[in-house]
N, C-alpha and C. Protein backbone atom coordinates (compact mmCIF):
# COMPACT_ATOMS: atom_id res chain seq x y z
N MET A 1 -12.81 -30.29 -10.23
CA MET A 1 -13.14 -29.39 -9.16
C MET A 1 -14.25 -30.00 -8.31
N THR A 2 -14.22 -29.70 -7.01
CA THR A 2 -15.14 -30.38 -6.12
C THR A 2 -16.36 -29.56 -5.72
N SER A 3 -16.26 -28.24 -5.63
CA SER A 3 -17.37 -27.46 -5.10
C SER A 3 -17.37 -26.04 -5.65
N ILE A 4 -18.53 -25.42 -5.57
CA ILE A 4 -18.64 -23.99 -5.79
C ILE A 4 -19.19 -23.42 -4.50
N ILE A 5 -18.44 -22.54 -3.87
CA ILE A 5 -18.84 -21.96 -2.59
C ILE A 5 -18.08 -20.66 -2.39
N ILE A 6 -18.61 -19.76 -1.64
CA ILE A 6 -17.93 -18.50 -1.39
C ILE A 6 -17.20 -18.63 -0.06
N LEU A 7 -15.91 -18.23 -0.01
CA LEU A 7 -15.13 -18.48 1.18
C LEU A 7 -13.93 -17.58 1.30
N GLN A 8 -13.33 -17.62 2.49
CA GLN A 8 -12.04 -16.99 2.68
C GLN A 8 -11.00 -17.90 2.06
N MET A 9 -9.83 -17.37 1.75
CA MET A 9 -8.76 -18.19 1.18
C MET A 9 -8.23 -19.13 2.25
N ASP A 10 -8.87 -20.27 2.37
CA ASP A 10 -8.54 -21.28 3.37
C ASP A 10 -7.45 -22.19 2.82
N PRO A 11 -6.49 -22.64 3.64
CA PRO A 11 -5.42 -23.50 3.14
C PRO A 11 -5.83 -24.95 2.95
N GLY A 12 -7.05 -25.31 3.30
CA GLY A 12 -7.51 -26.67 3.07
C GLY A 12 -7.06 -27.65 4.13
N VAL A 13 -7.13 -28.94 3.78
CA VAL A 13 -6.85 -30.00 4.75
C VAL A 13 -5.63 -30.85 4.39
N LYS A 14 -5.00 -30.55 3.25
CA LYS A 14 -3.80 -31.28 2.84
C LYS A 14 -2.61 -30.32 2.87
N GLY A 15 -1.64 -30.48 1.99
CA GLY A 15 -0.48 -29.60 1.97
C GLY A 15 -0.81 -28.18 1.53
N TYR A 16 -1.73 -28.05 0.56
CA TYR A 16 -2.15 -26.73 0.08
C TYR A 16 -3.48 -26.84 -0.63
N ARG A 17 -4.14 -25.69 -0.75
CA ARG A 17 -5.38 -25.60 -1.52
C ARG A 17 -5.09 -24.74 -2.74
N TYR A 18 -5.62 -25.19 -3.90
CA TYR A 18 -5.44 -24.50 -5.18
C TYR A 18 -6.81 -24.02 -5.64
N TYR A 19 -6.94 -22.71 -5.84
CA TYR A 19 -8.20 -22.09 -6.26
C TYR A 19 -8.11 -21.65 -7.71
N ILE A 20 -9.24 -21.73 -8.41
CA ILE A 20 -9.40 -21.10 -9.72
C ILE A 20 -10.54 -20.09 -9.56
N ILE A 21 -10.32 -18.87 -10.06
CA ILE A 21 -11.31 -17.81 -9.96
C ILE A 21 -11.92 -17.61 -11.35
N LYS A 22 -13.26 -17.60 -11.41
CA LYS A 22 -13.96 -17.41 -12.69
C LYS A 22 -14.98 -16.28 -12.56
N ASN A 23 -15.32 -15.70 -13.72
CA ASN A 23 -16.38 -14.69 -13.75
C ASN A 23 -17.71 -15.37 -14.07
N ALA A 24 -18.77 -14.58 -14.21
CA ALA A 24 -20.10 -15.12 -14.46
C ALA A 24 -20.18 -15.91 -15.76
N ALA A 25 -19.34 -15.55 -16.75
CA ALA A 25 -19.32 -16.25 -18.04
C ALA A 25 -18.51 -17.54 -17.99
N GLY A 26 -17.85 -17.81 -16.85
CA GLY A 26 -17.04 -19.01 -16.72
C GLY A 26 -15.60 -18.85 -17.19
N ASP A 27 -15.20 -17.61 -17.49
CA ASP A 27 -13.82 -17.36 -17.91
C ASP A 27 -12.88 -17.43 -16.71
N ASN A 28 -11.71 -18.06 -16.90
CA ASN A 28 -10.71 -18.11 -15.84
C ASN A 28 -10.11 -16.72 -15.65
N LEU A 29 -10.11 -16.23 -14.40
CA LEU A 29 -9.55 -14.92 -14.09
C LEU A 29 -8.27 -15.02 -13.28
N GLY A 30 -7.89 -16.22 -12.89
CA GLY A 30 -6.66 -16.39 -12.13
C GLY A 30 -6.70 -17.62 -11.25
N GLN A 31 -5.57 -17.86 -10.58
CA GLN A 31 -5.45 -18.97 -9.65
C GLN A 31 -4.79 -18.46 -8.37
N VAL A 32 -5.06 -19.17 -7.25
CA VAL A 32 -4.44 -18.85 -5.98
C VAL A 32 -4.01 -20.15 -5.33
N LEU A 33 -2.78 -20.19 -4.82
CA LEU A 33 -2.26 -21.33 -4.08
C LEU A 33 -2.10 -20.87 -2.63
N VAL A 34 -2.73 -21.60 -1.69
CA VAL A 34 -2.67 -21.25 -0.27
C VAL A 34 -2.15 -22.46 0.51
N PRO A 35 -0.88 -22.43 0.94
CA PRO A 35 -0.29 -23.57 1.65
C PRO A 35 -0.83 -23.72 3.07
N LYS A 36 -1.14 -24.96 3.44
CA LYS A 36 -1.44 -25.29 4.84
C LYS A 36 -0.12 -25.51 5.58
N THR A 37 0.86 -26.10 4.86
CA THR A 37 2.21 -26.28 5.37
C THR A 37 3.18 -25.76 4.31
N THR A 38 4.37 -25.40 4.71
CA THR A 38 5.38 -24.97 3.75
C THR A 38 5.81 -26.16 2.91
N GLY A 39 5.91 -25.96 1.60
CA GLY A 39 6.30 -27.04 0.70
C GLY A 39 6.88 -26.50 -0.58
N THR A 40 7.33 -27.44 -1.44
CA THR A 40 8.00 -27.06 -2.67
C THR A 40 7.31 -27.69 -3.88
N LEU A 41 7.13 -26.89 -4.93
CA LEU A 41 6.63 -27.34 -6.23
C LEU A 41 7.57 -26.82 -7.30
N GLY A 42 8.08 -27.69 -8.13
CA GLY A 42 8.94 -27.28 -9.23
C GLY A 42 10.13 -26.45 -8.80
N GLY A 43 10.68 -26.74 -7.64
CA GLY A 43 11.84 -26.02 -7.15
C GLY A 43 11.54 -24.70 -6.47
N VAL A 44 10.25 -24.33 -6.38
CA VAL A 44 9.85 -23.09 -5.71
C VAL A 44 9.23 -23.43 -4.36
N THR A 45 9.67 -22.76 -3.30
CA THR A 45 9.13 -23.00 -1.97
C THR A 45 7.97 -22.04 -1.73
N TYR A 46 6.86 -22.60 -1.24
CA TYR A 46 5.66 -21.83 -0.91
C TYR A 46 5.46 -21.92 0.60
N ASP A 47 5.39 -20.75 1.26
CA ASP A 47 5.35 -20.69 2.71
C ASP A 47 3.93 -20.68 3.26
N GLN A 48 3.74 -21.41 4.35
CA GLN A 48 2.50 -21.37 5.11
C GLN A 48 2.26 -19.93 5.54
N GLY A 49 0.99 -19.50 5.55
CA GLY A 49 0.66 -18.15 5.97
C GLY A 49 0.70 -17.12 4.86
N THR A 50 0.90 -17.57 3.61
CA THR A 50 0.96 -16.66 2.46
C THR A 50 0.05 -17.18 1.36
N GLU A 51 -0.68 -16.28 0.71
CA GLU A 51 -1.45 -16.63 -0.48
C GLU A 51 -0.61 -16.26 -1.69
N TYR A 52 -0.55 -17.13 -2.70
CA TYR A 52 0.20 -16.89 -3.93
C TYR A 52 -0.81 -16.77 -5.07
N TRP A 53 -0.91 -15.58 -5.65
CA TRP A 53 -1.88 -15.29 -6.71
C TRP A 53 -1.18 -15.34 -8.05
N PHE A 54 -1.80 -16.04 -9.03
CA PHE A 54 -1.21 -16.27 -10.35
C PHE A 54 -2.16 -15.79 -11.45
N ASP A 55 -1.59 -15.16 -12.48
CA ASP A 55 -2.32 -14.78 -13.70
C ASP A 55 -3.64 -14.08 -13.41
N VAL A 56 -3.62 -13.08 -12.55
CA VAL A 56 -4.87 -12.42 -12.16
C VAL A 56 -5.03 -11.02 -12.77
N ASP A 57 -4.35 -10.76 -13.88
CA ASP A 57 -4.46 -9.44 -14.51
C ASP A 57 -5.90 -9.06 -14.83
N ALA A 58 -6.72 -10.02 -15.23
CA ALA A 58 -8.12 -9.73 -15.57
C ALA A 58 -8.92 -9.25 -14.36
N LEU A 59 -8.46 -9.57 -13.14
CA LEU A 59 -9.19 -9.15 -11.95
C LEU A 59 -9.05 -7.66 -11.67
N SER A 60 -8.10 -7.00 -12.30
CA SER A 60 -7.94 -5.56 -12.08
C SER A 60 -9.11 -4.77 -12.66
N THR A 61 -9.94 -5.39 -13.51
CA THR A 61 -11.10 -4.73 -14.07
C THR A 61 -12.31 -4.80 -13.15
N ARG A 62 -12.18 -5.45 -12.00
CA ARG A 62 -13.26 -5.60 -11.01
C ARG A 62 -14.52 -6.18 -11.65
N PRO A 63 -14.50 -7.48 -11.93
CA PRO A 63 -15.66 -8.10 -12.56
C PRO A 63 -16.91 -8.00 -11.68
N SER A 64 -18.07 -8.16 -12.29
CA SER A 64 -19.33 -8.01 -11.56
C SER A 64 -19.63 -9.19 -10.65
N SER A 65 -19.02 -10.35 -10.89
CA SER A 65 -19.21 -11.49 -10.00
C SER A 65 -17.96 -12.36 -10.05
N LEU A 66 -17.74 -13.10 -8.97
CA LEU A 66 -16.61 -14.02 -8.87
C LEU A 66 -17.11 -15.35 -8.34
N THR A 67 -16.59 -16.43 -8.89
CA THR A 67 -16.84 -17.77 -8.36
C THR A 67 -15.49 -18.43 -8.14
N PHE A 68 -15.31 -19.06 -6.99
CA PHE A 68 -14.06 -19.73 -6.64
C PHE A 68 -14.28 -21.23 -6.68
N TYR A 69 -13.41 -21.94 -7.39
CA TYR A 69 -13.39 -23.40 -7.42
C TYR A 69 -12.09 -23.82 -6.74
N TRP A 70 -12.07 -24.99 -6.08
CA TRP A 70 -10.83 -25.40 -5.45
C TRP A 70 -10.72 -26.91 -5.32
N ASP A 71 -9.47 -27.34 -5.12
CA ASP A 71 -9.13 -28.71 -4.76
C ASP A 71 -7.95 -28.65 -3.80
N ASP A 72 -7.85 -29.65 -2.93
CA ASP A 72 -6.73 -29.77 -2.01
C ASP A 72 -5.72 -30.77 -2.54
N TYR A 73 -4.42 -30.48 -2.33
CA TYR A 73 -3.34 -31.33 -2.82
C TYR A 73 -2.30 -31.54 -1.72
N GLU A 74 -1.62 -32.67 -1.78
CA GLU A 74 -0.40 -32.88 -1.00
C GLU A 74 0.76 -32.36 -1.83
N TRP A 75 1.85 -32.01 -1.19
CA TRP A 75 3.02 -31.51 -1.92
C TRP A 75 3.60 -32.56 -2.85
N THR A 76 3.33 -33.85 -2.59
CA THR A 76 3.85 -34.93 -3.43
C THR A 76 2.93 -35.27 -4.60
N ASP A 77 1.71 -34.70 -4.63
CA ASP A 77 0.78 -34.94 -5.75
C ASP A 77 1.30 -34.25 -7.01
N THR A 78 0.78 -34.69 -8.15
CA THR A 78 1.06 -33.98 -9.39
C THR A 78 0.40 -32.61 -9.29
N PRO A 79 1.18 -31.53 -9.36
CA PRO A 79 0.60 -30.21 -9.11
C PRO A 79 -0.23 -29.71 -10.26
N PRO A 80 -1.16 -28.79 -9.97
CA PRO A 80 -1.88 -28.12 -11.05
C PRO A 80 -0.91 -27.22 -11.80
N THR A 81 -1.31 -26.79 -12.99
CA THR A 81 -0.47 -25.89 -13.77
C THR A 81 -0.59 -24.49 -13.21
N LEU A 82 0.52 -23.94 -12.75
CA LEU A 82 0.54 -22.58 -12.22
C LEU A 82 1.03 -21.64 -13.31
N GLY A 83 0.41 -20.50 -13.41
CA GLY A 83 0.84 -19.51 -14.39
C GLY A 83 1.94 -18.63 -13.82
N THR A 84 1.93 -17.38 -14.21
CA THR A 84 2.91 -16.40 -13.74
C THR A 84 2.42 -15.81 -12.43
N GLN A 85 3.29 -15.81 -11.41
CA GLN A 85 2.88 -15.27 -10.13
C GLN A 85 2.70 -13.76 -10.24
N SER A 86 1.52 -13.29 -9.81
CA SER A 86 1.20 -11.87 -9.86
C SER A 86 1.62 -11.15 -8.58
N PHE A 87 1.27 -11.71 -7.43
CA PHE A 87 1.61 -11.12 -6.14
C PHE A 87 1.33 -12.13 -5.05
N THR A 88 1.71 -11.78 -3.81
CA THR A 88 1.40 -12.59 -2.64
C THR A 88 0.64 -11.72 -1.64
N MET A 89 -0.07 -12.39 -0.72
CA MET A 89 -0.78 -11.69 0.36
C MET A 89 -0.68 -12.54 1.61
N VAL A 90 -0.72 -11.86 2.77
CA VAL A 90 -0.78 -12.59 4.03
C VAL A 90 -2.09 -13.36 4.07
N ALA A 91 -2.06 -14.60 4.59
CA ALA A 91 -3.24 -15.45 4.55
C ALA A 91 -4.12 -15.34 5.78
N ASP A 92 -3.64 -14.71 6.85
CA ASP A 92 -4.40 -14.66 8.10
C ASP A 92 -4.43 -13.24 8.64
N PRO A 93 -5.28 -12.38 8.06
CA PRO A 93 -5.31 -10.98 8.49
C PRO A 93 -5.90 -10.82 9.89
N THR A 94 -5.62 -9.69 10.52
CA THR A 94 -6.16 -9.36 11.83
C THR A 94 -7.45 -8.56 11.66
N TRP A 95 -8.46 -8.87 12.48
CA TRP A 95 -9.75 -8.19 12.38
C TRP A 95 -9.82 -7.00 13.32
N GLU A 96 -10.46 -5.91 12.87
CA GLU A 96 -10.68 -4.72 13.69
C GLU A 96 -12.10 -4.23 13.44
N LYS A 97 -12.71 -3.55 14.44
CA LYS A 97 -14.03 -2.97 14.24
C LYS A 97 -13.96 -1.87 13.20
N THR A 98 -15.03 -1.71 12.42
CA THR A 98 -15.06 -0.69 11.38
C THR A 98 -16.50 -0.33 11.06
N ASP A 99 -16.68 0.68 10.23
CA ASP A 99 -17.99 1.03 9.73
C ASP A 99 -18.42 0.00 8.68
N PRO A 100 -19.73 -0.11 8.42
CA PRO A 100 -20.17 -1.05 7.39
C PRO A 100 -19.64 -0.62 6.02
N PRO A 101 -19.49 -1.58 5.11
CA PRO A 101 -18.96 -1.25 3.78
C PRO A 101 -19.89 -0.33 3.01
N ALA A 102 -19.30 0.50 2.20
CA ALA A 102 -20.07 1.42 1.37
C ALA A 102 -20.63 0.68 0.16
N THR A 103 -21.66 1.21 -0.43
CA THR A 103 -22.26 0.63 -1.62
C THR A 103 -21.43 1.00 -2.84
N THR A 104 -20.77 0.03 -3.43
CA THR A 104 -20.02 0.26 -4.67
C THR A 104 -20.10 -0.98 -5.53
N THR A 105 -19.76 -0.85 -6.79
CA THR A 105 -19.81 -2.00 -7.69
C THR A 105 -18.63 -2.95 -7.47
N SER A 106 -17.64 -2.57 -6.64
CA SER A 106 -16.49 -3.44 -6.42
C SER A 106 -16.63 -4.30 -5.17
N ASN A 107 -17.84 -4.36 -4.60
CA ASN A 107 -18.08 -5.22 -3.44
C ASN A 107 -18.89 -6.44 -3.85
N PHE A 108 -18.59 -7.57 -3.24
CA PHE A 108 -19.34 -8.80 -3.42
C PHE A 108 -19.89 -9.19 -2.06
N VAL A 109 -21.18 -9.55 -2.00
CA VAL A 109 -21.82 -9.72 -0.70
C VAL A 109 -22.60 -11.02 -0.63
N ASN A 110 -22.68 -11.58 0.57
CA ASN A 110 -23.57 -12.70 0.85
C ASN A 110 -24.52 -12.23 1.93
N ASN A 111 -25.80 -12.01 1.56
CA ASN A 111 -26.77 -11.46 2.48
C ASN A 111 -27.22 -12.44 3.56
N THR A 112 -26.97 -13.73 3.37
CA THR A 112 -27.33 -14.71 4.39
C THR A 112 -26.30 -14.74 5.51
N LEU A 113 -25.02 -14.73 5.13
CA LEU A 113 -23.95 -14.81 6.11
C LEU A 113 -23.48 -13.44 6.57
N PHE A 114 -23.96 -12.37 5.95
CA PHE A 114 -23.55 -11.01 6.26
C PHE A 114 -22.03 -10.86 6.18
N VAL A 115 -21.51 -11.18 5.02
CA VAL A 115 -20.09 -11.02 4.73
C VAL A 115 -19.94 -10.29 3.40
N VAL A 116 -18.86 -9.52 3.29
CA VAL A 116 -18.63 -8.71 2.10
C VAL A 116 -17.15 -8.77 1.75
N LEU A 117 -16.85 -8.85 0.47
CA LEU A 117 -15.49 -8.71 -0.03
C LEU A 117 -15.43 -7.41 -0.82
N GLY A 118 -14.62 -6.48 -0.36
CA GLY A 118 -14.42 -5.22 -1.08
C GLY A 118 -13.20 -5.34 -1.96
N TRP A 119 -13.40 -5.34 -3.28
CA TRP A 119 -12.33 -5.57 -4.25
C TRP A 119 -11.72 -4.23 -4.63
N GLN A 120 -10.54 -3.93 -4.13
CA GLN A 120 -9.87 -2.66 -4.41
C GLN A 120 -8.49 -2.87 -5.03
N LEU A 121 -8.25 -4.05 -5.62
CA LEU A 121 -6.96 -4.31 -6.25
C LEU A 121 -6.83 -3.53 -7.56
N THR A 122 -5.63 -3.04 -7.81
CA THR A 122 -5.37 -2.29 -9.04
C THR A 122 -4.09 -2.80 -9.69
N LEU A 123 -4.01 -2.66 -10.99
CA LEU A 123 -2.82 -3.04 -11.74
C LEU A 123 -2.40 -1.83 -12.56
N ASN A 124 -1.25 -1.25 -12.22
CA ASN A 124 -0.74 -0.07 -12.91
C ASN A 124 0.66 -0.34 -13.43
N SER A 125 0.81 -0.34 -14.75
CA SER A 125 2.11 -0.56 -15.40
C SER A 125 2.78 -1.83 -14.89
N GLY A 126 1.99 -2.89 -14.74
CA GLY A 126 2.52 -4.18 -14.33
C GLY A 126 2.75 -4.34 -12.84
N VAL A 127 2.38 -3.34 -12.03
CA VAL A 127 2.58 -3.41 -10.58
C VAL A 127 1.23 -3.43 -9.89
N TRP A 128 1.02 -4.45 -9.02
CA TRP A 128 -0.23 -4.57 -8.29
C TRP A 128 -0.21 -3.68 -7.07
N GLY A 129 -1.35 -3.09 -6.76
CA GLY A 129 -1.50 -2.28 -5.57
C GLY A 129 -2.92 -2.39 -5.06
N GLY A 130 -3.29 -1.51 -4.14
CA GLY A 130 -4.62 -1.54 -3.57
C GLY A 130 -4.73 -2.56 -2.47
N SER A 131 -5.93 -3.11 -2.29
CA SER A 131 -6.15 -4.05 -1.19
C SER A 131 -7.47 -4.79 -1.38
N LEU A 132 -7.62 -5.85 -0.59
CA LEU A 132 -8.89 -6.56 -0.45
C LEU A 132 -9.40 -6.28 0.95
N HIS A 133 -10.68 -5.97 1.09
CA HIS A 133 -11.27 -5.71 2.40
C HIS A 133 -12.35 -6.77 2.64
N TRP A 134 -12.14 -7.61 3.66
CA TRP A 134 -13.11 -8.64 4.02
C TRP A 134 -13.92 -8.13 5.20
N TYR A 135 -15.24 -8.12 5.09
CA TYR A 135 -16.10 -7.66 6.17
C TYR A 135 -16.96 -8.82 6.66
N ASN A 136 -17.19 -8.89 7.97
CA ASN A 136 -18.23 -9.75 8.51
C ASN A 136 -18.72 -9.17 9.82
N ASP A 137 -19.64 -9.87 10.46
CA ASP A 137 -20.24 -9.32 11.67
C ASP A 137 -19.80 -10.06 12.93
N ASN A 138 -18.74 -10.89 12.84
CA ASN A 138 -18.31 -11.59 14.04
C ASN A 138 -16.82 -11.44 14.35
N GLY A 139 -16.05 -10.81 13.47
CA GLY A 139 -14.65 -10.57 13.73
C GLY A 139 -13.77 -11.81 13.67
N GLN A 140 -14.27 -12.90 13.11
CA GLN A 140 -13.50 -14.13 13.00
C GLN A 140 -12.92 -14.25 11.59
N ASN A 141 -11.92 -15.10 11.43
CA ASN A 141 -11.27 -15.28 10.13
C ASN A 141 -11.97 -16.30 9.24
N THR A 142 -13.14 -16.72 9.61
CA THR A 142 -13.91 -17.67 8.79
C THR A 142 -14.92 -16.91 7.94
N VAL A 143 -14.47 -15.89 7.24
CA VAL A 143 -15.36 -14.95 6.57
C VAL A 143 -16.38 -15.62 5.68
N PHE A 144 -15.95 -16.36 4.68
CA PHE A 144 -16.88 -16.89 3.71
C PHE A 144 -17.12 -18.39 3.88
N GLY A 145 -17.03 -18.89 5.10
CA GLY A 145 -17.32 -20.30 5.34
C GLY A 145 -18.80 -20.57 5.19
N GLY A 146 -19.18 -21.79 4.84
CA GLY A 146 -20.57 -22.16 4.71
C GLY A 146 -21.07 -22.05 3.29
N SER A 147 -22.26 -22.58 3.06
CA SER A 147 -22.84 -22.58 1.74
C SER A 147 -23.34 -21.19 1.36
N ALA A 148 -23.29 -20.90 0.09
CA ALA A 148 -23.74 -19.59 -0.38
C ALA A 148 -24.10 -19.67 -1.85
N THR A 149 -24.88 -18.71 -2.30
CA THR A 149 -25.19 -18.61 -3.72
C THR A 149 -24.13 -17.76 -4.39
N SER A 150 -24.26 -17.56 -5.68
CA SER A 150 -23.31 -16.71 -6.40
C SER A 150 -23.31 -15.31 -5.82
N PRO A 151 -22.17 -14.61 -5.89
CA PRO A 151 -22.11 -13.25 -5.34
C PRO A 151 -23.07 -12.31 -6.06
N VAL A 152 -23.53 -11.32 -5.33
CA VAL A 152 -24.37 -10.28 -5.92
C VAL A 152 -23.76 -8.93 -5.58
N THR A 153 -24.12 -7.91 -6.34
CA THR A 153 -23.60 -6.58 -6.07
C THR A 153 -24.19 -6.05 -4.77
N LEU A 154 -23.36 -5.44 -3.95
CA LEU A 154 -23.79 -4.87 -2.67
C LEU A 154 -24.83 -3.78 -2.89
N THR A 155 -25.88 -3.82 -2.09
CA THR A 155 -26.89 -2.77 -2.11
C THR A 155 -26.96 -2.14 -0.73
N GLY A 156 -27.50 -0.95 -0.65
CA GLY A 156 -27.54 -0.23 0.61
C GLY A 156 -28.30 -0.93 1.71
N ASP A 157 -29.22 -1.86 1.36
CA ASP A 157 -30.05 -2.45 2.40
C ASP A 157 -29.32 -3.47 3.26
N ILE A 158 -28.08 -3.90 2.87
CA ILE A 158 -27.38 -4.82 3.76
C ILE A 158 -27.04 -4.11 5.07
N GLU A 159 -26.79 -2.81 5.00
CA GLU A 159 -26.45 -2.07 6.20
C GLU A 159 -27.66 -1.89 7.10
N ALA A 160 -28.85 -1.83 6.53
CA ALA A 160 -30.06 -1.61 7.31
C ALA A 160 -30.79 -2.91 7.63
N SER A 161 -30.33 -4.04 7.06
CA SER A 161 -31.08 -5.28 7.20
C SER A 161 -31.05 -5.85 8.60
N ARG A 162 -30.03 -5.53 9.38
CA ARG A 162 -30.02 -5.85 10.79
C ARG A 162 -28.95 -5.00 11.46
N SER A 163 -29.11 -4.80 12.73
CA SER A 163 -28.14 -3.99 13.45
C SER A 163 -26.93 -4.85 13.80
N VAL A 164 -25.78 -4.56 13.18
CA VAL A 164 -24.58 -5.37 13.41
C VAL A 164 -23.40 -4.45 13.67
N THR A 165 -22.41 -5.00 14.33
CA THR A 165 -21.11 -4.36 14.42
C THR A 165 -20.25 -5.00 13.35
N TRP A 166 -19.78 -4.21 12.39
CA TRP A 166 -18.98 -4.75 11.30
C TRP A 166 -17.51 -4.80 11.70
N TYR A 167 -16.82 -5.84 11.22
CA TYR A 167 -15.40 -5.99 11.41
C TYR A 167 -14.76 -6.10 10.03
N THR A 168 -13.54 -5.69 9.89
CA THR A 168 -12.87 -5.79 8.61
C THR A 168 -11.45 -6.30 8.77
N ALA A 169 -10.95 -6.95 7.74
CA ALA A 169 -9.54 -7.30 7.65
C ALA A 169 -9.09 -6.83 6.30
N THR A 170 -7.98 -6.15 6.23
CA THR A 170 -7.46 -5.62 4.98
C THR A 170 -6.17 -6.34 4.65
N VAL A 171 -6.06 -6.83 3.42
CA VAL A 171 -4.82 -7.46 2.96
C VAL A 171 -4.37 -6.75 1.70
N THR A 172 -3.06 -6.58 1.56
CA THR A 172 -2.51 -5.88 0.41
C THR A 172 -1.50 -6.76 -0.30
N PRO A 173 -1.40 -6.64 -1.61
CA PRO A 173 -0.45 -7.45 -2.37
C PRO A 173 0.99 -7.04 -2.07
N SER A 174 1.88 -8.00 -2.16
CA SER A 174 3.30 -7.68 -1.97
C SER A 174 4.11 -8.32 -3.10
């Protein structure tokens, strides 16, 4: 793995980007494959513009922190080991103005970049539902770009820390 950084699910600079999600204890909570271009691995076609989430059942418990690790691959490289696909999501959501995020334990925040991930995914009887809510103060799709420390639980003072217009993008599993 090359870096630890908080970010939006970016497709990287090669054929696709492969993410591993871990909790504070370093336990693997799942993987995500985000194609920059449409390609095939093991006879399965992965389409540009879609996130493919694998083995993320543990994420339904809404862990207190998340760390994302990633590497970029070409479609001709030896692929990482993918588990069982849990769901897919659109990779490029549309931003709209909204109220600032509420204080809950299911939000992860970066107080330097003023970005928030609202974790509302649920797993009921093997079916994923809910949504992810990405918040920032500029309405762009580069939500978690840049350097950051480990996520912290959202506190009420992010809303009062500066006067901002919040934007959100909501993505739902399919």
